[in-house]
Amino acid sequence: MMPVPNDRPRGDDTGDVGLLFHRLNNQLGIILANAELLEAKSGDEMSRARAAQVVASVLDAMATAREIRVFVR
């Protein structure tokens, strides 16, 4: 995680927050794509179920991030 300097001027931080949400969604998108791949290519039901759980959790995390972003605006 990138450190945030304490001495930077205060002002409109919405661009900074937007950038953070953009980065978060990019990372969640990578996790989602890989989990969906694992789910599709898994050879046994247990592995498919675990991958499906990751997919569901990532989708929930993305929805939560959207809610937080709306809240902080």
PDB file of N, CA and C in Angstrom:
ATOM      1  N   MET A   1       0.845  -1.175   0.000  1.00  0.00           N
ATOM      2  CA  MET A   1       0.000   0.000   0.000  1.00  0.00           C
ATOM      3  C   MET A   1       0.884   1.230   0.000  1.00  0.00           C
ATOM      4  N   MET A   2       0.485   2.224  -0.768  1.00  0.00           N
ATOM      5  CA  MET A   2       1.259   3.450  -0.899  1.00  0.00           C
ATOM      6  C   MET A   2       1.038   4.345   0.319  1.00  0.00           C
ATOM      7  N   PRO A   3       2.137   4.810   0.975  1.00  0.00           N
ATOM      8  CA  PRO A   3       1.971   5.707   2.123  1.00  0.00           C
ATOM      9  C   PRO A   3       1.435   7.060   1.685  1.00  0.00           C
ATOM     10  N   VAL A   4       0.647   7.666   2.536  1.00  0.00           N
ATOM     11  CA  VAL A   4       0.081   8.981   2.269  1.00  0.00           C
ATOM     12  C   VAL A   4       0.816   9.997   3.126  1.00  0.00           C
ATOM     13  N   PRO A   5       1.456  11.000   2.497  1.00  0.00           N
ATOM     14  CA  PRO A   5       2.185  12.005   3.283  1.00  0.00           C
ATOM     15  C   PRO A   5       1.230  12.792   4.179  1.00  0.00           C
ATOM     16  N   ASN A   6       1.690  13.112   5.391  1.00  0.00           N
ATOM     17  CA  ASN A   6       0.872  13.863   6.345  1.00  0.00           C
ATOM     18  C   ASN A   6       0.837  15.353   6.028  1.00  0.00           C
ATOM     19  N   ASP A   7       1.790  15.845   5.252  1.00  0.00           N
ATOM     20  CA  ASP A   7       1.896  17.281   5.034  1.00  0.00           C
ATOM     21  C   ASP A   7       1.265  17.743   3.715  1.00  0.00           C
ATOM     22  N   ARG A   8       0.506  16.922   3.068  1.00  0.00           N
ATOM     23  CA  ARG A   8      -0.085  17.360   1.807  1.00  0.00           C
ATOM     24  C   ARG A   8      -1.272  18.267   2.070  1.00  0.00           C
ATOM     25  N   PRO A   9      -1.508  19.208   1.179  1.00  0.00           N
ATOM     26  CA  PRO A   9      -2.602  20.154   1.403  1.00  0.00           C
ATOM     27  C   PRO A   9      -3.956  19.473   1.402  1.00  0.00           C
ATOM     28  N   ARG A  10      -4.831  19.946   2.268  1.00  0.00           N
ATOM     29  CA  ARG A  10      -6.188  19.412   2.338  1.00  0.00           C
ATOM     30  C   ARG A  10      -7.027  20.158   1.320  1.00  0.00           C
ATOM     31  N   GLY A  11      -7.960  19.507   0.778  1.00  0.00           N
ATOM     32  CA  GLY A  11      -8.807  20.132  -0.234  1.00  0.00           C
ATOM     33  C   GLY A  11      -9.753  19.088  -0.765  1.00  0.00           C
ATOM     34  N   ASP A  12      -9.967  19.111  -2.052  1.00  0.00           N
ATOM     35  CA  ASP A  12     -10.869  18.157  -2.675  1.00  0.00           C
ATOM     36  C   ASP A  12     -10.134  16.840  -2.872  1.00  0.00           C
ATOM     37  N   ASP A  13     -10.438  15.876  -2.022  1.00  0.00           N
ATOM     38  CA  ASP A  13      -9.795  14.564  -2.080  1.00  0.00           C
ATOM     39  C   ASP A  13     -10.621  13.558  -2.875  1.00  0.00           C
ATOM     40  N   THR A  14     -11.702  14.003  -3.527  1.00  0.00           N
ATOM     41  CA  THR A  14     -12.552  13.045  -4.227  1.00  0.00           C
ATOM     42  C   THR A  14     -11.792  12.345  -5.339  1.00  0.00           C
ATOM     43  N   GLY A  15     -10.837  13.025  -5.971  1.00  0.00           N
ATOM     44  CA  GLY A  15     -10.017  12.386  -6.998  1.00  0.00           C
ATOM     45  C   GLY A  15      -9.171  11.279  -6.412  1.00  0.00           C
ATOM     46  N   ASP A  16      -8.618  11.526  -5.225  1.00  0.00           N
ATOM     47  CA  ASP A  16      -7.812  10.515  -4.547  1.00  0.00           C
ATOM     48  C   ASP A  16      -8.663   9.305  -4.177  1.00  0.00           C
ATOM     49  N   VAL A  17      -9.843   9.572  -3.662  1.00  0.00           N
ATOM     50  CA  VAL A  17     -10.747   8.479  -3.276  1.00  0.00           C
ATOM     51  C   VAL A  17     -11.165   7.702  -4.516  1.00  0.00           C
ATOM     52  N   GLY A  18     -11.462   8.421  -5.594  1.00  0.00           N
ATOM     53  CA  GLY A  18     -11.833   7.759  -6.837  1.00  0.00           C
ATOM     54  C   GLY A  18     -10.726   6.855  -7.346  1.00  0.00           C
ATOM     55  N   LEU A  19      -9.492   7.329  -7.242  1.00  0.00           N
ATOM     56  CA  LEU A  19      -8.349   6.530  -7.662  1.00  0.00           C
ATOM     57  C   LEU A  19      -8.224   5.267  -6.807  1.00  0.00           C
ATOM     58  N   LEU A  20      -8.418   5.405  -5.512  1.00  0.00           N
ATOM     59  CA  LEU A  20      -8.349   4.238  -4.631  1.00  0.00           C
ATOM     60  C   LEU A  20      -9.412   3.210  -4.982  1.00  0.00           C
ATOM     61  N   PHE A  21     -10.625   3.670  -5.242  1.00  0.00           N
ATOM     62  CA  PHE A  21     -11.692   2.737  -5.617  1.00  0.00           C
ATOM     63  C   PHE A  21     -11.405   2.101  -6.972  1.00  0.00           C
ATOM     64  N   HIS A  22     -10.847   2.863  -7.877  1.00  0.00           N
ATOM     65  CA  HIS A  22     -10.479   2.317  -9.186  1.00  0.00           C
ATOM     66  C   HIS A  22      -9.446   1.204  -9.015  1.00  0.00           C
ATOM     67  N   ARG A  23      -8.437   1.459  -8.218  1.00  0.00           N
ATOM     68  CA  ARG A  23      -7.388   0.448  -7.967  1.00  0.00           C
ATOM     69  C   ARG A  23      -7.967  -0.777  -7.276  1.00  0.00           C
ATOM     70  N   LEU A  24      -8.846  -0.561  -6.302  1.00  0.00           N
ATOM     71  CA  LEU A  24      -9.476  -1.677  -5.595  1.00  0.00           C
ATOM     72  C   LEU A  24     -10.290  -2.530  -6.566  1.00  0.00           C
ATOM     73  N   ASN A  25     -11.091  -1.884  -7.408  1.00  0.00           N
ATOM     74  CA  ASN A  25     -11.900  -2.633  -8.364  1.00  0.00           C
ATOM     75  C   ASN A  25     -11.040  -3.368  -9.378  1.00  0.00           C
ATOM     76  N   ASN A  26      -9.913  -2.794  -9.772  1.00  0.00           N
ATOM     77  CA  ASN A  26      -9.006  -3.505 -10.672  1.00  0.00           C
ATOM     78  C   ASN A  26      -8.507  -4.797 -10.033  1.00  0.00           C
ATOM     79  N   GLN A  27      -8.099  -4.713  -8.779  1.00  0.00           N
ATOM     80  CA  GLN A  27      -7.600  -5.902  -8.089  1.00  0.00           C
ATOM     81  C   GLN A  27      -8.708  -6.935  -7.890  1.00  0.00           C
ATOM     82  N   LEU A  28      -9.889  -6.466  -7.512  1.00  0.00           N
ATOM     83  CA  LEU A  28     -11.013  -7.393  -7.347  1.00  0.00           C
ATOM     84  C   LEU A  28     -11.384  -8.038  -8.685  1.00  0.00           C
ATOM     85  N   GLY A  29     -11.273  -7.289  -9.765  1.00  0.00           N
ATOM     86  CA  GLY A  29     -11.558  -7.843 -11.086  1.00  0.00           C
ATOM     87  C   GLY A  29     -10.603  -8.961 -11.457  1.00  0.00           C
ATOM     88  N   ILE A  30      -9.342  -8.812 -11.106  1.00  0.00           N
ATOM     89  CA  ILE A  30      -8.356  -9.864 -11.365  1.00  0.00           C
ATOM     90  C   ILE A  30      -8.686 -11.107 -10.558  1.00  0.00           C
ATOM     91  N   ILE A  31      -9.026 -10.921  -9.291  1.00  0.00           N
ATOM     92  CA  ILE A  31      -9.395 -12.058  -8.444  1.00  0.00           C
ATOM     93  C   ILE A  31     -10.637 -12.736  -8.996  1.00  0.00           C
ATOM     94  N   LEU A  32     -11.624 -11.932  -9.390  1.00  0.00           N
ATOM     95  CA  LEU A  32     -12.869 -12.474  -9.936  1.00  0.00           C
ATOM     96  C   LEU A  32     -12.609 -13.299 -11.194  1.00  0.00           C
ATOM     97  N   ALA A  33     -11.825 -12.772 -12.116  1.00  0.00           N
ATOM     98  CA  ALA A  33     -11.546 -13.488 -13.362  1.00  0.00           C
ATOM     99  C   ALA A  33     -10.862 -14.825 -13.091  1.00  0.00           C
ATOM    100  N   ASN A  34      -9.904 -14.824 -12.187  1.00  0.00           N
ATOM    101  CA  ASN A  34      -9.205 -16.073 -11.872  1.00  0.00           C
ATOM    102  C   ASN A  34     -10.103 -17.071 -11.142  1.00  0.00           C
ATOM    103  N   ALA A  35     -10.947 -16.584 -10.261  1.00  0.00           N
ATOM    104  CA  ALA A  35     -11.870 -17.475  -9.551  1.00  0.00           C
ATOM    105  C   ALA A  35     -12.879 -18.080 -10.519  1.00  0.00           C
ATOM    106  N   GLU A  36     -13.360 -17.279 -11.472  1.00  0.00           N
ATOM    107  CA  GLU A  36     -14.302 -17.808 -12.470  1.00  0.00           C
ATOM    108  C   GLU A  36     -13.620 -18.856 -13.351  1.00  0.00           C
ATOM    109  N   LEU A  37     -12.358 -18.620 -13.682  1.00  0.00           N
ATOM    110  CA  LEU A  37     -11.607 -19.612 -14.450  1.00  0.00           C
ATOM    111  C   LEU A  37     -11.463 -20.912 -13.672  1.00  0.00           C
ATOM    112  N   LEU A  38     -11.096 -20.802 -12.405  1.00  0.00           N
ATOM    113  CA  LEU A  38     -10.971 -21.990 -11.563  1.00  0.00           C
ATOM    114  C   LEU A  38     -12.298 -22.731 -11.456  1.00  0.00           C
ATOM    115  N   GLU A  39     -13.369 -21.973 -11.297  1.00  0.00           N
ATOM    116  CA  GLU A  39     -14.698 -22.585 -11.185  1.00  0.00           C
ATOM    117  C   GLU A  39     -15.029 -23.363 -12.460  1.00  0.00           C
ATOM    118  N   ALA A  40     -14.743 -22.786 -13.610  1.00  0.00           N
ATOM    119  CA  ALA A  40     -15.069 -23.424 -14.884  1.00  0.00           C
ATOM    120  C   ALA A  40     -14.194 -24.646 -15.173  1.00  0.00           C
ATOM    121  N   LYS A  41     -12.944 -24.621 -14.709  1.00  0.00           N
ATOM    122  CA  LYS A  41     -12.002 -25.678 -15.059  1.00  0.00           C
ATOM    123  C   LYS A  41     -11.797 -26.716 -13.958  1.00  0.00           C
ATOM    124  N   SER A  42     -12.451 -26.538 -12.826  1.00  0.00           N
ATOM    125  CA  SER A  42     -12.270 -27.477 -11.720  1.00  0.00           C
ATOM    126  C   SER A  42     -12.812 -28.856 -12.085  1.00  0.00           C
ATOM    127  N   GLY A  43     -12.055 -29.845 -11.684  1.00  0.00           N
ATOM    128  CA  GLY A  43     -12.437 -31.217 -12.018  1.00  0.00           C
ATOM    129  C   GLY A  43     -13.357 -31.863 -11.003  1.00  0.00           C
ATOM    130  N   ASP A  44     -13.431 -31.312  -9.810  1.00  0.00           N
ATOM    131  CA  ASP A  44     -14.280 -31.943  -8.793  1.00  0.00           C
ATOM    132  C   ASP A  44     -15.224 -30.912  -8.177  1.00  0.00           C
ATOM    133  N   GLU A  45     -16.278 -31.407  -7.602  1.00  0.00           N
ATOM    134  CA  GLU A  45     -17.336 -30.545  -7.063  1.00  0.00           C
ATOM    135  C   GLU A  45     -16.846 -29.664  -5.911  1.00  0.00           C
ATOM    136  N   MET A  46     -15.979 -30.181  -5.070  1.00  0.00           N
ATOM    137  CA  MET A  46     -15.472 -29.410  -3.929  1.00  0.00           C
ATOM    138  C   MET A  46     -14.690 -28.184  -4.408  1.00  0.00           C
ATOM    139  N   SER A  47     -13.845 -28.374  -5.401  1.00  0.00           N
ATOM    140  CA  SER A  47     -13.068 -27.250  -5.941  1.00  0.00           C
ATOM    141  C   SER A  47     -13.977 -26.230  -6.609  1.00  0.00           C
ATOM    142  N   ARG A  48     -14.985 -26.705  -7.332  1.00  0.00           N
ATOM    143  CA  ARG A  48     -15.948 -25.786  -7.967  1.00  0.00           C
ATOM    144  C   ARG A  48     -16.693 -24.986  -6.911  1.00  0.00           C
ATOM    145  N   ALA A  49     -17.086 -25.640  -5.836  1.00  0.00           N
ATOM    146  CA  ALA A  49     -17.818 -24.957  -4.766  1.00  0.00           C
ATOM    147  C   ALA A  49     -16.947 -23.896  -4.102  1.00  0.00           C
ATOM    148  N   ARG A  50     -15.683 -24.218  -3.884  1.00  0.00           N
ATOM    149  CA  ARG A  50     -14.768 -23.238  -3.275  1.00  0.00           C
ATOM    150  C   ARG A  50     -14.554 -22.044  -4.200  1.00  0.00           C
ATOM    151  N   ALA A  51     -14.364 -22.309  -5.481  1.00  0.00           N
ATOM    152  CA  ALA A  51     -14.182 -21.216  -6.441  1.00  0.00           C
ATOM    153  C   ALA A  51     -15.453 -20.374  -6.530  1.00  0.00           C
ATOM    154  N   ALA A  52     -16.612 -21.017  -6.492  1.00  0.00           N
ATOM    155  CA  ALA A  52     -17.885 -20.291  -6.534  1.00  0.00           C
ATOM    156  C   ALA A  52     -18.034 -19.396  -5.312  1.00  0.00           C
ATOM    157  N   GLN A  53     -17.550 -19.860  -4.177  1.00  0.00           N
ATOM    158  CA  GLN A  53     -17.601 -19.052  -2.957  1.00  0.00           C
ATOM    159  C   GLN A  53     -16.712 -17.811  -3.104  1.00  0.00           C
ATOM    160  N   VAL A  54     -15.557 -17.963  -3.717  1.00  0.00           N
ATOM    161  CA  VAL A  54     -14.672 -16.813  -3.955  1.00  0.00           C
ATOM    162  C   VAL A  54     -15.348 -15.843  -4.913  1.00  0.00           C
ATOM    163  N   VAL A  55     -15.952 -16.361  -5.982  1.00  0.00           N
ATOM    164  CA  VAL A  55     -16.657 -15.507  -6.939  1.00  0.00           C
ATOM    165  C   VAL A  55     -17.735 -14.698  -6.224  1.00  0.00           C
ATOM    166  N   ALA A  56     -18.550 -15.360  -5.429  1.00  0.00           N
ATOM    167  CA  ALA A  56     -19.630 -14.674  -4.712  1.00  0.00           C
ATOM    168  C   ALA A  56     -19.075 -13.625  -3.751  1.00  0.00           C
ATOM    169  N   SER A  57     -17.992 -13.941  -3.075  1.00  0.00           N
ATOM    170  CA  SER A  57     -17.395 -12.999  -2.125  1.00  0.00           C
ATOM    171  C   SER A  57     -16.814 -11.781  -2.828  1.00  0.00           C
ATOM    172  N   VAL A  58     -16.181 -11.981  -3.968  1.00  0.00           N
ATOM    173  CA  VAL A  58     -15.621 -10.856  -4.715  1.00  0.00           C
ATOM    174  C   VAL A  58     -16.739  -9.953  -5.230  1.00  0.00           C
ATOM    175  N   LEU A  59     -17.808 -10.549  -5.738  1.00  0.00           N
ATOM    176  CA  LEU A  59     -18.936  -9.745  -6.212  1.00  0.00           C
ATOM    177  C   LEU A  59     -19.536  -8.935  -5.059  1.00  0.00           C
ATOM    178  N   ASP A  60     -19.614  -9.547  -3.884  1.00  0.00           N
ATOM    179  CA  ASP A  60     -20.109  -8.835  -2.706  1.00  0.00           C
ATOM    180  C   ASP A  60     -19.160  -7.697  -2.321  1.00  0.00           C
ATOM    181  N   ALA A  61     -17.857  -7.952  -2.387  1.00  0.00           N
ATOM    182  CA  ALA A  61     -16.869  -6.910  -2.073  1.00  0.00           C
ATOM    183  C   ALA A  61     -16.955  -5.749  -3.060  1.00  0.00           C
ATOM    184  N   MET A  62     -17.179  -6.049  -4.334  1.00  0.00           N
ATOM    185  CA  MET A  62     -17.320  -4.988  -5.333  1.00  0.00           C
ATOM    186  C   MET A  62     -18.565  -4.144  -5.058  1.00  0.00           C
ATOM    187  N   ALA A  63     -19.652  -4.795  -4.675  1.00  0.00           N
ATOM    188  CA  ALA A  63     -20.881  -4.062  -4.353  1.00  0.00           C
ATOM    189  C   ALA A  63     -20.678  -3.195  -3.114  1.00  0.00           C
ATOM    190  N   THR A  64     -19.982  -3.726  -2.130  1.00  0.00           N
ATOM    191  CA  THR A  64     -19.704  -2.966  -0.913  1.00  0.00           C
ATOM    192  C   THR A  64     -18.826  -1.756  -1.225  1.00  0.00           C
ATOM    193  N   ALA A  65     -17.829  -1.933  -2.082  1.00  0.00           N
ATOM    194  CA  ALA A  65     -16.965  -0.814  -2.473  1.00  0.00           C
ATOM    195  C   ALA A  65     -17.780   0.276  -3.157  1.00  0.00           C
ATOM    196  N   ARG A  66     -18.720  -0.116  -4.013  1.00  0.00           N
ATOM    197  CA  ARG A  66     -19.587   0.886  -4.666  1.00  0.00           C
ATOM    198  C   ARG A  66     -20.414   1.641  -3.634  1.00  0.00           C
ATOM    199  N   GLU A  67     -20.950   0.920  -2.664  1.00  0.00           N
ATOM    200  CA  GLU A  67     -21.762   1.564  -1.616  1.00  0.00           C
ATOM    201  C   GLU A  67     -20.918   2.550  -0.818  1.00  0.00           C
ATOM    202  N   ILE A  68     -19.700   2.172  -0.472  1.00  0.00           N
ATOM    203  CA  ILE A  68     -18.815   3.050   0.287  1.00  0.00           C
ATOM    204  C   ILE A  68     -18.496   4.289  -0.541  1.00  0.00           C
ATOM    205  N   ARG A  69     -18.224   4.088  -1.821  1.00  0.00           N
ATOM    206  CA  ARG A  69     -17.878   5.230  -2.675  1.00  0.00           C
ATOM    207  C   ARG A  69     -19.033   6.224  -2.743  1.00  0.00           C
ATOM    208  N   VAL A  70     -20.265   5.740  -2.854  1.00  0.00           N
ATOM    209  CA  VAL A  70     -21.432   6.612  -2.873  1.00  0.00           C
ATOM    210  C   VAL A  70     -21.542   7.340  -1.533  1.00  0.00           C
ATOM    211  N   PHE A  71     -21.270   6.644  -0.451  1.00  0.00           N
ATOM    212  CA  PHE A  71     -21.382   7.214   0.894  1.00  0.00           C
ATOM    213  C   PHE A  71     -20.389   8.350   1.120  1.00  0.00           C
ATOM    214  N   VAL A  72     -19.152   8.201   0.603  1.00  0.00           N
ATOM    215  CA  VAL A  72     -18.120   9.208   0.866  1.00  0.00           C
ATOM    216  C   VAL A  72     -18.211  10.408  -0.076  1.00  0.00           C
ATOM    217  N   ARG A  73     -19.032  10.348  -1.088  1.00  0.00           N
ATOM    218  CA  ARG A  73     -19.153  11.484  -2.010  1.00  0.00           C
ATOM    219  C   ARG A  73     -19.799  12.634  -1.353  1.00  0.00           C
TER     220      ARG A  73
END
